[in-house]
Amino acid sequence: MQDHEHNLNTKQEHSHGHTHPHMQRKQVTNRLARIEGHVRSIKEMTDNGRDCPDILLQIAAVKKALDGVAKVILKDHLEHCVVSSVQDEHRSQVLSDLQKALDNYIR
């Protein structure tokens, strides 16, 4: 794995061996923070004995929000990592990593 320089001056290790910016990092972070707050409120609903249908409705909303975050991450990955790897000697590794990520997400 190699260090990976992101546009927010942070480094992460990636197995595909090249660098690219993650342009939507701030948007993803903000969405995840909102989801985190939503999950906390679901826990409070449960602790306070709220009706099951209300709790299930909120859980469905969180699942939809997580799917939205996954779409942003996937779009960013496709537009920056996969596209840049077309000219890269690590192309097969990047495509293999993408396939594994999709397999894990679409179980």
C-alpha atoms as a PDB file:
ATOM      1  CA  MET A   1       0.000   0.000   0.000  1.00  0.00           C
ATOM      2  CA  GLN A   2       1.113   3.519  -0.675  1.00  0.00           C
ATOM      3  CA  ASP A   3       0.459   6.823   1.020  1.00  0.00           C
ATOM      4  CA  HIS A   4      -2.368   8.672  -0.636  1.00  0.00           C
ATOM      5  CA  GLU A   5      -2.385  12.481  -0.635  1.00  0.00           C
ATOM      6  CA  HIS A   6      -5.878  13.944  -0.472  1.00  0.00           C
ATOM      7  CA  ASN A   7      -6.885  17.472  -1.342  1.00  0.00           C
ATOM      8  CA  LEU A   8      -7.461  18.268   2.346  1.00  0.00           C
ATOM      9  CA  ASN A   9      -3.782  17.625   3.187  1.00  0.00           C
ATOM     10  CA  THR A  10      -4.444  14.253   4.755  1.00  0.00           C
ATOM     11  CA  LYS A  11      -2.771  10.987   3.877  1.00  0.00           C
ATOM     12  CA  GLN A  12      -4.321   7.567   3.721  1.00  0.00           C
ATOM     13  CA  GLU A  13      -3.007   4.273   2.501  1.00  0.00           C
ATOM     14  CA  HIS A  14      -4.507   2.789  -0.643  1.00  0.00           C
ATOM     15  CA  SER A  15      -3.685  -0.465  -2.318  1.00  0.00           C
ATOM     16  CA  HIS A  16      -3.981   0.869  -5.855  1.00  0.00           C
ATOM     17  CA  GLY A  17      -0.736   2.822  -5.657  1.00  0.00           C
ATOM     18  CA  HIS A  18      -1.599   6.198  -7.158  1.00  0.00           C
ATOM     19  CA  THR A  19      -2.891   9.524  -5.926  1.00  0.00           C
ATOM     20  CA  HIS A  20      -6.100  11.364  -6.692  1.00  0.00           C
ATOM     21  CA  PRO A  21      -8.179  13.969  -4.881  1.00  0.00           C
ATOM     22  CA  HIS A  22     -11.412  13.075  -3.141  1.00  0.00           C
ATOM     23  CA  MET A  23     -13.393  16.103  -4.161  1.00  0.00           C
ATOM     24  CA  GLN A  24     -16.522  15.305  -2.134  1.00  0.00           C
ATOM     25  CA  ARG A  25     -14.859  14.588   1.225  1.00  0.00           C
ATOM     26  CA  LYS A  26     -16.462  17.590   2.974  1.00  0.00           C
ATOM     27  CA  GLN A  27     -19.920  16.723   1.627  1.00  0.00           C
ATOM     28  CA  VAL A  28     -19.517  13.092   2.750  1.00  0.00           C
ATOM     29  CA  THR A  29     -18.315  14.165   6.203  1.00  0.00           C
ATOM     30  CA  ASN A  30     -21.269  16.533   6.612  1.00  0.00           C
ATOM     31  CA  ARG A  31     -23.784  13.909   5.515  1.00  0.00           C
ATOM     32  CA  LEU A  32     -22.294  11.335   7.882  1.00  0.00           C
ATOM     33  CA  ALA A  33     -22.484  13.807  10.765  1.00  0.00           C
ATOM     34  CA  ARG A  34     -26.200  14.351  10.069  1.00  0.00           C
ATOM     35  CA  ILE A  35     -26.741  10.586   9.884  1.00  0.00           C
ATOM     36  CA  GLU A  36     -24.883  10.149  13.160  1.00  0.00           C
ATOM     37  CA  GLY A  37     -27.230  12.640  14.812  1.00  0.00           C
ATOM     38  CA  HIS A  38     -30.223  10.893  13.285  1.00  0.00           C
ATOM     39  CA  VAL A  39     -29.084   7.528  14.672  1.00  0.00           C
ATOM     40  CA  ARG A  40     -28.676   9.089  18.124  1.00  0.00           C
ATOM     41  CA  SER A  41     -32.235  10.376  17.922  1.00  0.00           C
ATOM     42  CA  ILE A  42     -33.465   6.891  16.992  1.00  0.00           C
ATOM     43  CA  LYS A  43     -31.725   5.530  20.075  1.00  0.00           C
ATOM     44  CA  GLU A  44     -33.462   8.194  22.184  1.00  0.00           C
ATOM     45  CA  MET A  45     -36.795   7.263  20.591  1.00  0.00           C
ATOM     46  CA  THR A  46     -36.167   3.645  21.583  1.00  0.00           C
ATOM     47  CA  ASP A  47     -35.090   4.612  25.089  1.00  0.00           C
ATOM     48  CA  ASN A  48     -38.252   6.710  25.467  1.00  0.00           C
ATOM     49  CA  GLY A  49     -40.538   3.888  24.348  1.00  0.00           C
ATOM     50  CA  ARG A  50     -41.729   5.465  21.097  1.00  0.00           C
ATOM     51  CA  ASP A  51     -43.946   3.411  18.831  1.00  0.00           C
ATOM     52  CA  CYS A  52     -42.208   0.785  16.704  1.00  0.00           C
ATOM     53  CA  PRO A  53     -43.611   2.105  13.382  1.00  0.00           C
ATOM     54  CA  ASP A  54     -42.132   5.556  14.148  1.00  0.00           C
ATOM     55  CA  ILE A  55     -38.740   4.025  14.939  1.00  0.00           C
ATOM     56  CA  LEU A  56     -38.817   1.854  11.830  1.00  0.00           C
ATOM     57  CA  LEU A  57     -39.653   4.883   9.697  1.00  0.00           C
ATOM     58  CA  GLN A  58     -36.605   6.694  11.057  1.00  0.00           C
ATOM     59  CA  ILE A  59     -34.407   3.642  10.484  1.00  0.00           C
ATOM     60  CA  ALA A  60     -35.582   3.556   6.863  1.00  0.00           C
ATOM     61  CA  ALA A  61     -34.653   7.238   6.528  1.00  0.00           C
ATOM     62  CA  VAL A  62     -31.145   6.534   7.850  1.00  0.00           C
ATOM     63  CA  LYS A  63     -30.728   3.641   5.435  1.00  0.00           C
ATOM     64  CA  LYS A  64     -31.738   5.901   2.546  1.00  0.00           C
ATOM     65  CA  ALA A  65     -29.322   8.595   3.750  1.00  0.00           C
ATOM     66  CA  LEU A  66     -26.481   6.048   3.921  1.00  0.00           C
ATOM     67  CA  ASP A  67     -27.283   4.939   0.381  1.00  0.00           C
ATOM     68  CA  GLY A  68     -27.016   8.584  -0.661  1.00  0.00           C
ATOM     69  CA  VAL A  69     -23.578   8.874   0.927  1.00  0.00           C
ATOM     70  CA  ALA A  70     -22.492   5.662  -0.778  1.00  0.00           C
ATOM     71  CA  LYS A  71     -23.561   7.101  -4.148  1.00  0.00           C
ATOM     72  CA  VAL A  72     -21.516  10.263  -3.566  1.00  0.00           C
ATOM     73  CA  ILE A  73     -18.455   8.208  -2.600  1.00  0.00           C
ATOM     74  CA  LEU A  74     -18.873   5.874  -5.576  1.00  0.00           C
ATOM     75  CA  LYS A  75     -19.347   8.758  -8.019  1.00  0.00           C
ATOM     76  CA  ASP A  76     -16.261  10.511  -6.660  1.00  0.00           C
ATOM     77  CA  HIS A  77     -14.257   7.295  -6.863  1.00  0.00           C
ATOM     78  CA  LEU A  78     -15.343   6.618 -10.431  1.00  0.00           C
ATOM     79  CA  GLU A  79     -14.706  10.175 -11.598  1.00  0.00           C
ATOM     80  CA  HIS A  80     -11.277  10.520 -10.030  1.00  0.00           C
ATOM     81  CA  CYS A  81      -9.690   7.192  -9.127  1.00  0.00           C
ATOM     82  CA  VAL A  82     -10.993   4.873 -11.797  1.00  0.00           C
ATOM     83  CA  VAL A  83     -10.776   7.423 -14.601  1.00  0.00           C
ATOM     84  CA  SER A  84      -7.206   8.353 -13.675  1.00  0.00           C
ATOM     85  CA  SER A  85      -6.228   4.676 -13.534  1.00  0.00           C
ATOM     86  CA  VAL A  86      -7.117   4.116 -17.188  1.00  0.00           C
ATOM     87  CA  GLN A  87      -3.680   5.478 -18.080  1.00  0.00           C
ATOM     88  CA  ASP A  88      -2.030   3.947 -15.012  1.00  0.00           C
ATOM     89  CA  GLU A  89      -0.131   0.684 -14.664  1.00  0.00           C
ATOM     90  CA  HIS A  90      -2.254  -0.029 -11.558  1.00  0.00           C
ATOM     91  CA  ARG A  91      -5.449  -0.213 -13.634  1.00  0.00           C
ATOM     92  CA  SER A  92      -6.180  -3.870 -12.886  1.00  0.00           C
ATOM     93  CA  GLN A  93      -5.701  -3.349  -9.133  1.00  0.00           C
ATOM     94  CA  VAL A  94      -8.016  -0.314  -9.133  1.00  0.00           C
ATOM     95  CA  LEU A  95     -10.707  -2.231 -11.005  1.00  0.00           C
ATOM     96  CA  SER A  96     -10.300  -5.197  -8.673  1.00  0.00           C
ATOM     97  CA  ASP A  97     -10.642  -2.879  -5.657  1.00  0.00           C
ATOM     98  CA  LEU A  98     -13.759  -1.322  -7.191  1.00  0.00           C
ATOM     99  CA  GLN A  99     -15.295  -4.748  -7.783  1.00  0.00           C
ATOM    100  CA  LYS A 100     -14.622  -5.775  -4.167  1.00  0.00           C
ATOM    101  CA  ALA A 101     -16.139  -2.531  -2.879  1.00  0.00           C
ATOM    102  CA  LEU A 102     -19.247  -3.019  -5.003  1.00  0.00           C
ATOM    103  CA  ASP A 103     -19.538  -6.661  -3.958  1.00  0.00           C
ATOM    104  CA  ASN A 104     -19.363  -5.642  -0.290  1.00  0.00           C
ATOM    105  CA  TYR A 105     -21.912  -2.866  -0.732  1.00  0.00           C
ATOM    106  CA  ILE A 106     -24.428  -4.808  -2.831  1.00  0.00           C
ATOM    107  CA  ARG A 107     -24.642  -7.929  -0.694  1.00  0.00           C
END
